[in-house]
Amino acid sequence: MKPKPCPFCGKEPIVKPFDPEIEGTAWGAVECIYGRCPANPMVFDGAKIADDRGPNKYKQAAIRRWNRRSTL
């Protein structure tokens, strides 16, 4: 699963954590780090409980939330 481009600037976002052994395995996030982005949004996985699912499950949850776009 791959994140869509940033809805504000169109640049490719990054998916975190980069190194789960150092940063932990119970979270995931997608963030636009383009310096000229007017919003620099960041979306977390939204999990209510941290468990042993591993970093890929949390990253996938964050990407699903990031990819959800309004139809207005």
PDB file of N, CA and C in Angstrom:
ATOM      1  N   MET A   1       0.857  -1.165   0.000  1.00  0.00           N
ATOM      2  CA  MET A   1       0.000   0.000   0.000  1.00  0.00           C
ATOM      3  C   MET A   1       0.906   1.231   0.000  1.00  0.00           C
ATOM      4  N   LYS A   2       0.561   2.201  -0.837  1.00  0.00           N
ATOM      5  CA  LYS A   2       1.378   3.405  -0.988  1.00  0.00           C
ATOM      6  C   LYS A   2       0.517   4.645  -0.715  1.00  0.00           C
ATOM      7  N   PRO A   3       1.057   5.641  -0.010  1.00  0.00           N
ATOM      8  CA  PRO A   3       0.264   6.850   0.250  1.00  0.00           C
ATOM      9  C   PRO A   3       0.112   7.708  -1.000  1.00  0.00           C
ATOM     10  N   LYS A   4      -1.049   8.335  -1.096  1.00  0.00           N
ATOM     11  CA  LYS A   4      -1.294   9.289  -2.180  1.00  0.00           C
ATOM     12  C   LYS A   4      -0.449  10.541  -1.939  1.00  0.00           C
ATOM     13  N   PRO A   5      -0.255  11.360  -2.975  1.00  0.00           N
ATOM     14  CA  PRO A   5       0.471  12.621  -2.772  1.00  0.00           C
ATOM     15  C   PRO A   5      -0.260  13.532  -1.772  1.00  0.00           C
ATOM     16  N   CYS A   6       0.460  14.470  -1.223  1.00  0.00           N
ATOM     17  CA  CYS A   6      -0.114  15.422  -0.270  1.00  0.00           C
ATOM     18  C   CYS A   6      -1.270  16.173  -0.944  1.00  0.00           C
ATOM     19  N   PRO A   7      -2.419  16.296  -0.280  1.00  0.00           N
ATOM     20  CA  PRO A   7      -3.552  16.999  -0.880  1.00  0.00           C
ATOM     21  C   PRO A   7      -3.350  18.513  -0.978  1.00  0.00           C
ATOM     22  N   PHE A   8      -2.337  19.047  -0.312  1.00  0.00           N
ATOM     23  CA  PHE A   8      -2.115  20.486  -0.316  1.00  0.00           C
ATOM     24  C   PHE A   8      -1.043  20.924  -1.302  1.00  0.00           C
ATOM     25  N   CYS A   9       0.013  20.106  -1.451  1.00  0.00           N
ATOM     26  CA  CYS A   9       1.102  20.516  -2.345  1.00  0.00           C
ATOM     27  C   CYS A   9       1.378  19.520  -3.469  1.00  0.00           C
ATOM     28  N   GLY A  10       0.859  18.295  -3.351  1.00  0.00           N
ATOM     29  CA  GLY A  10       1.040  17.293  -4.383  1.00  0.00           C
ATOM     30  C   GLY A  10       2.340  16.515  -4.309  1.00  0.00           C
ATOM     31  N   LYS A  11       3.151  16.746  -3.291  1.00  0.00           N
ATOM     32  CA  LYS A  11       4.431  16.041  -3.145  1.00  0.00           C
ATOM     33  C   LYS A  11       4.238  14.693  -2.441  1.00  0.00           C
ATOM     34  N   GLU A  12       5.223  13.820  -2.615  1.00  0.00           N
ATOM     35  CA  GLU A  12       5.203  12.499  -1.993  1.00  0.00           C
ATOM     36  C   GLU A  12       5.436  12.622  -0.486  1.00  0.00           C
ATOM     37  N   PRO A  13       4.555  12.034   0.349  1.00  0.00           N
ATOM     38  CA  PRO A  13       4.762  12.071   1.803  1.00  0.00           C
ATOM     39  C   PRO A  13       5.715  10.969   2.248  1.00  0.00           C
ATOM     40  N   ILE A  14       6.109  11.013   3.506  1.00  0.00           N
ATOM     41  CA  ILE A  14       6.930   9.957   4.086  1.00  0.00           C
ATOM     42  C   ILE A  14       6.074   9.124   5.033  1.00  0.00           C
ATOM     43  N   VAL A  15       6.482   7.893   5.239  1.00  0.00           N
ATOM     44  CA  VAL A  15       5.793   6.987   6.158  1.00  0.00           C
ATOM     45  C   VAL A  15       6.750   6.699   7.308  1.00  0.00           C
ATOM     46  N   LYS A  16       6.238   6.817   8.523  1.00  0.00           N
ATOM     47  CA  LYS A  16       7.042   6.605   9.725  1.00  0.00           C
ATOM     48  C   LYS A  16       6.498   5.419  10.503  1.00  0.00           C
ATOM     49  N   PRO A  17       7.273   4.738  11.310  1.00  0.00           N
ATOM     50  CA  PRO A  17       8.651   4.995  11.700  1.00  0.00           C
ATOM     51  C   PRO A  17       9.643   4.474  10.661  1.00  0.00           C
ATOM     52  N   PHE A  18      10.773   5.164  10.547  1.00  0.00           N
ATOM     53  CA  PHE A  18      11.833   4.756   9.638  1.00  0.00           C
ATOM     54  C   PHE A  18      12.548   3.525  10.179  1.00  0.00           C
ATOM     55  N   ASP A  19      12.884   3.551  11.464  1.00  0.00           N
ATOM     56  CA  ASP A  19      13.611   2.459  12.103  1.00  0.00           C
ATOM     57  C   ASP A  19      12.833   2.001  13.338  1.00  0.00           C
ATOM     58  N   PRO A  20      11.949   1.011  13.182  1.00  0.00           N
ATOM     59  CA  PRO A  20      11.110   0.569  14.302  1.00  0.00           C
ATOM     60  C   PRO A  20      11.884   0.094  15.526  1.00  0.00           C
ATOM     61  N   GLU A  21      13.085  -0.421  15.340  1.00  0.00           N
ATOM     62  CA  GLU A  21      13.855  -0.884  16.503  1.00  0.00           C
ATOM     63  C   GLU A  21      14.254   0.285  17.403  1.00  0.00           C
ATOM     64  N   ILE A  22      14.470   1.440  16.830  1.00  0.00           N
ATOM     65  CA  ILE A  22      14.847   2.626  17.609  1.00  0.00           C
ATOM     66  C   ILE A  22      13.614   3.439  18.004  1.00  0.00           C
ATOM     67  N   GLU A  23      12.682   3.626  17.067  1.00  0.00           N
ATOM     68  CA  GLU A  23      11.525   4.498  17.285  1.00  0.00           C
ATOM     69  C   GLU A  23      10.316   3.792  17.887  1.00  0.00           C
ATOM     70  N   GLY A  24      10.342   2.480  17.960  1.00  0.00           N
ATOM     71  CA  GLY A  24       9.214   1.735  18.495  1.00  0.00           C
ATOM     72  C   GLY A  24       8.386   1.121  17.378  1.00  0.00           C
ATOM     73  N   THR A  25       7.573   0.126  17.733  1.00  0.00           N
ATOM     74  CA  THR A  25       6.808  -0.615  16.733  1.00  0.00           C
ATOM     75  C   THR A  25       5.305  -0.426  16.848  1.00  0.00           C
ATOM     76  N   ALA A  26       4.842   0.297  17.839  1.00  0.00           N
ATOM     77  CA  ALA A  26       3.404   0.398  18.092  1.00  0.00           C
ATOM     78  C   ALA A  26       2.804   1.708  17.600  1.00  0.00           C
ATOM     79  N   TRP A  27       3.237   2.172  16.442  1.00  0.00           N
ATOM     80  CA  TRP A  27       2.664   3.387  15.871  1.00  0.00           C
ATOM     81  C   TRP A  27       3.024   3.465  14.389  1.00  0.00           C
ATOM     82  N   GLY A  28       2.293   4.300  13.691  1.00  0.00           N
ATOM     83  CA  GLY A  28       2.574   4.570  12.286  1.00  0.00           C
ATOM     84  C   GLY A  28       2.050   5.954  11.950  1.00  0.00           C
ATOM     85  N   ALA A  29       2.658   6.603  10.986  1.00  0.00           N
ATOM     86  CA  ALA A  29       2.236   7.945  10.594  1.00  0.00           C
ATOM     87  C   ALA A  29       2.641   8.214   9.153  1.00  0.00           C
ATOM     88  N   VAL A  30       1.911   9.127   8.516  1.00  0.00           N
ATOM     89  CA  VAL A  30       2.242   9.622   7.186  1.00  0.00           C
ATOM     90  C   VAL A  30       2.335  11.135   7.314  1.00  0.00           C
ATOM     91  N   GLU A  31       3.395  11.715   6.752  1.00  0.00           N
ATOM     92  CA  GLU A  31       3.623  13.151   6.915  1.00  0.00           C
ATOM     93  C   GLU A  31       4.179  13.764   5.634  1.00  0.00           C
ATOM     94  N   CYS A  32       3.707  14.954   5.304  1.00  0.00           N
ATOM     95  CA  CYS A  32       4.281  15.730   4.212  1.00  0.00           C
ATOM     96  C   CYS A  32       5.395  16.590   4.809  1.00  0.00           C
ATOM     97  N   ILE A  33       6.600  16.402   4.281  1.00  0.00           N
ATOM     98  CA  ILE A  33       7.732  17.163   4.822  1.00  0.00           C
ATOM     99  C   ILE A  33       8.281  18.166   3.813  1.00  0.00           C
ATOM    100  N   TYR A  34       7.539  18.410   2.735  1.00  0.00           N
ATOM    101  CA  TYR A  34       7.978  19.377   1.733  1.00  0.00           C
ATOM    102  C   TYR A  34       8.008  20.764   2.372  1.00  0.00           C
ATOM    103  N   GLY A  35       9.118  21.420   2.310  1.00  0.00           N
ATOM    104  CA  GLY A  35       9.330  22.703   2.982  1.00  0.00           C
ATOM    105  C   GLY A  35       8.393  23.823   2.554  1.00  0.00           C
ATOM    106  N   ARG A  36       7.875  23.755   1.336  1.00  0.00           N
ATOM    107  CA  ARG A  36       6.980  24.810   0.853  1.00  0.00           C
ATOM    108  C   ARG A  36       5.505  24.430   0.892  1.00  0.00           C
ATOM    109  N   CYS A  37       5.196  23.301   1.507  1.00  0.00           N
ATOM    110  CA  CYS A  37       3.797  22.883   1.640  1.00  0.00           C
ATOM    111  C   CYS A  37       3.090  23.872   2.562  1.00  0.00           C
ATOM    112  N   PRO A  38       1.925  24.377   2.165  1.00  0.00           N
ATOM    113  CA  PRO A  38       1.228  25.352   3.009  1.00  0.00           C
ATOM    114  C   PRO A  38       0.652  24.755   4.296  1.00  0.00           C
ATOM    115  N   ALA A  39       0.540  23.427   4.379  1.00  0.00           N
ATOM    116  CA  ALA A  39      -0.097  22.821   5.552  1.00  0.00           C
ATOM    117  C   ALA A  39       0.798  21.841   6.308  1.00  0.00           C
ATOM    118  N   ASN A  40       1.709  21.153   5.645  1.00  0.00           N
ATOM    119  CA  ASN A  40       2.532  20.093   6.228  1.00  0.00           C
ATOM    120  C   ASN A  40       1.710  19.152   7.112  1.00  0.00           C
ATOM    121  N   PRO A  41       0.680  18.496   6.537  1.00  0.00           N
ATOM    122  CA  PRO A  41      -0.175  17.617   7.340  1.00  0.00           C
ATOM    123  C   PRO A  41       0.543  16.358   7.797  1.00  0.00           C
ATOM    124  N   MET A  42       0.047  15.816   8.903  1.00  0.00           N
ATOM    125  CA  MET A  42       0.550  14.556   9.438  1.00  0.00           C
ATOM    126  C   MET A  42      -0.645  13.771   9.956  1.00  0.00           C
ATOM    127  N   VAL A  43      -0.705  12.492   9.600  1.00  0.00           N
ATOM    128  CA  VAL A  43      -1.807  11.625  10.010  1.00  0.00           C
ATOM    129  C   VAL A  43      -1.224  10.425  10.739  1.00  0.00           C
ATOM    130  N   PHE A  44      -1.753  10.128  11.922  1.00  0.00           N
ATOM    131  CA  PHE A  44      -1.329   8.953  12.675  1.00  0.00           C
ATOM    132  C   PHE A  44      -2.258   7.789  12.383  1.00  0.00           C
ATOM    133  N   ASP A  45      -1.899   6.613  12.850  1.00  0.00           N
ATOM    134  CA  ASP A  45      -2.651   5.394  12.564  1.00  0.00           C
ATOM    135  C   ASP A  45      -4.040   5.370  13.169  1.00  0.00           C
ATOM    136  N   GLY A  46      -4.277   6.088  14.242  1.00  0.00           N
ATOM    137  CA  GLY A  46      -5.597   6.139  14.866  1.00  0.00           C
ATOM    138  C   GLY A  46      -5.905   4.954  15.768  1.00  0.00           C
ATOM    139  N   ALA A  47      -4.934   4.095  16.020  1.00  0.00           N
ATOM    140  CA  ALA A  47      -5.166   2.930  16.877  1.00  0.00           C
ATOM    141  C   ALA A  47      -5.377   3.382  18.320  1.00  0.00           C
ATOM    142  N   LYS A  48      -6.355   2.795  18.960  1.00  0.00           N
ATOM    143  CA  LYS A  48      -6.665   3.135  20.350  1.00  0.00           C
ATOM    144  C   LYS A  48      -5.792   2.352  21.327  1.00  0.00           C
ATOM    145  N   ILE A  49      -5.305   1.193  20.885  1.00  0.00           N
ATOM    146  CA  ILE A  49      -4.502   0.335  21.747  1.00  0.00           C
ATOM    147  C   ILE A  49      -3.212  -0.025  21.015  1.00  0.00           C
ATOM    148  N   ALA A  50      -2.091   0.115  21.686  1.00  0.00           N
ATOM    149  CA  ALA A  50      -0.805  -0.300  21.128  1.00  0.00           C
ATOM    150  C   ALA A  50      -0.554  -1.745  21.536  1.00  0.00           C
ATOM    151  N   ASP A  51      -0.316  -2.600  20.556  1.00  0.00           N
ATOM    152  CA  ASP A  51      -0.057  -4.008  20.856  1.00  0.00           C
ATOM    153  C   ASP A  51       1.093  -4.513  19.988  1.00  0.00           C
ATOM    154  N   ASP A  52       1.192  -5.794  19.816  1.00  0.00           N
ATOM    155  CA  ASP A  52       2.321  -6.396  19.103  1.00  0.00           C
ATOM    156  C   ASP A  52       2.010  -6.705  17.645  1.00  0.00           C
ATOM    157  N   ARG A  53       1.187  -5.904  17.000  1.00  0.00           N
ATOM    158  CA  ARG A  53       0.876  -6.149  15.590  1.00  0.00           C
ATOM    159  C   ARG A  53       2.069  -5.878  14.686  1.00  0.00           C
ATOM    160  N   GLY A  54       2.995  -5.066  15.147  1.00  0.00           N
ATOM    161  CA  GLY A  54       4.182  -4.744  14.360  1.00  0.00           C
ATOM    162  C   GLY A  54       4.009  -3.448  13.584  1.00  0.00           C
ATOM    163  N   PRO A  55       5.122  -2.829  13.207  1.00  0.00           N
ATOM    164  CA  PRO A  55       5.077  -1.509  12.581  1.00  0.00           C
ATOM    165  C   PRO A  55       4.363  -1.482  11.237  1.00  0.00           C
ATOM    166  N   ASN A  56       4.405  -2.574  10.474  1.00  0.00           N
ATOM    167  CA  ASN A  56       3.756  -2.545   9.168  1.00  0.00           C
ATOM    168  C   ASN A  56       2.242  -2.410   9.272  1.00  0.00           C
ATOM    169  N   LYS A  57       1.624  -3.017  10.266  1.00  0.00           N
ATOM    170  CA  LYS A  57       0.178  -2.889  10.449  1.00  0.00           C
ATOM    171  C   LYS A  57      -0.197  -1.450  10.795  1.00  0.00           C
ATOM    172  N   TYR A  58       0.606  -0.805  11.631  1.00  0.00           N
ATOM    173  CA  TYR A  58       0.331   0.579  12.000  1.00  0.00           C
ATOM    174  C   TYR A  58       0.578   1.521  10.821  1.00  0.00           C
ATOM    175  N   LYS A  59       1.625   1.252  10.059  1.00  0.00           N
ATOM    176  CA  LYS A  59       1.901   2.059   8.860  1.00  0.00           C
ATOM    177  C   LYS A  59       0.753   1.935   7.859  1.00  0.00           C
ATOM    178  N   GLN A  60       0.245   0.710   7.656  1.00  0.00           N
ATOM    179  CA  GLN A  60      -0.860   0.503   6.730  1.00  0.00           C
ATOM    180  C   GLN A  60      -2.109   1.250   7.200  1.00  0.00           C
ATOM    181  N   ALA A  61      -2.367   1.241   8.503  1.00  0.00           N
ATOM    182  CA  ALA A  61      -3.525   1.973   9.039  1.00  0.00           C
ATOM    183  C   ALA A  61      -3.361   3.472   8.805  1.00  0.00           C
ATOM    184  N   ALA A  62      -2.156   3.996   8.996  1.00  0.00           N
ATOM    185  CA  ALA A  62      -1.910   5.421   8.769  1.00  0.00           C
ATOM    186  C   ALA A  62      -2.065   5.765   7.291  1.00  0.00           C
ATOM    187  N   ILE A  63      -1.591   4.903   6.412  1.00  0.00           N
ATOM    188  CA  ILE A  63      -1.729   5.147   4.975  1.00  0.00           C
ATOM    189  C   ILE A  63      -3.199   5.133   4.565  1.00  0.00           C
ATOM    190  N   ARG A  64      -3.992   4.193   5.095  1.00  0.00           N
ATOM    191  CA  ARG A  64      -5.434   4.171   4.790  1.00  0.00           C
ATOM    192  C   ARG A  64      -6.097   5.477   5.216  1.00  0.00           C
ATOM    193  N   ARG A  65      -5.748   5.985   6.394  1.00  0.00           N
ATOM    194  CA  ARG A  65      -6.327   7.263   6.858  1.00  0.00           C
ATOM    195  C   ARG A  65      -5.866   8.419   5.977  1.00  0.00           C
ATOM    196  N   TRP A  66      -4.590   8.420   5.596  1.00  0.00           N
ATOM    197  CA  TRP A  66      -4.039   9.483   4.746  1.00  0.00           C
ATOM    198  C   TRP A  66      -4.731   9.491   3.375  1.00  0.00           C
ATOM    199  N   ASN A  67      -4.947   8.308   2.821  1.00  0.00           N
ATOM    200  CA  ASN A  67      -5.518   8.185   1.479  1.00  0.00           C
ATOM    201  C   ASN A  67      -7.004   8.508   1.410  1.00  0.00           C
ATOM    202  N   ARG A  68      -7.661   8.570   2.544  1.00  0.00           N
ATOM    203  CA  ARG A  68      -9.087   8.908   2.566  1.00  0.00           C
ATOM    204  C   ARG A  68      -9.249  10.380   2.248  1.00  0.00           C
ATOM    205  N   ARG A  69      -9.973  10.697   1.179  1.00  0.00           N
ATOM    206  CA  ARG A  69     -10.154  12.085   0.745  1.00  0.00           C
ATOM    207  C   ARG A  69     -11.634  12.452   0.737  1.00  0.00           C
ATOM    208  N   SER A  70     -11.916  13.685   1.014  1.00  0.00           N
ATOM    209  CA  SER A  70     -13.277  14.184   1.019  1.00  0.00           C
ATOM    210  C   SER A  70     -13.841  14.202  -0.406  1.00  0.00           C
ATOM    211  N   THR A  71     -15.116  13.958  -0.528  1.00  0.00           N
ATOM    212  CA  THR A  71     -15.763  13.985  -1.845  1.00  0.00           C
ATOM    213  C   THR A  71     -16.623  15.233  -2.023  1.00  0.00           C
ATOM    214  N   LEU A  72     -16.421  16.232  -1.191  1.00  0.00           N
ATOM    215  CA  LEU A  72     -17.216  17.460  -1.275  1.00  0.00           C
ATOM    216  C   LEU A  72     -16.897  18.248  -2.504  1.00  0.00           C
TER     217      LEU A  72
END
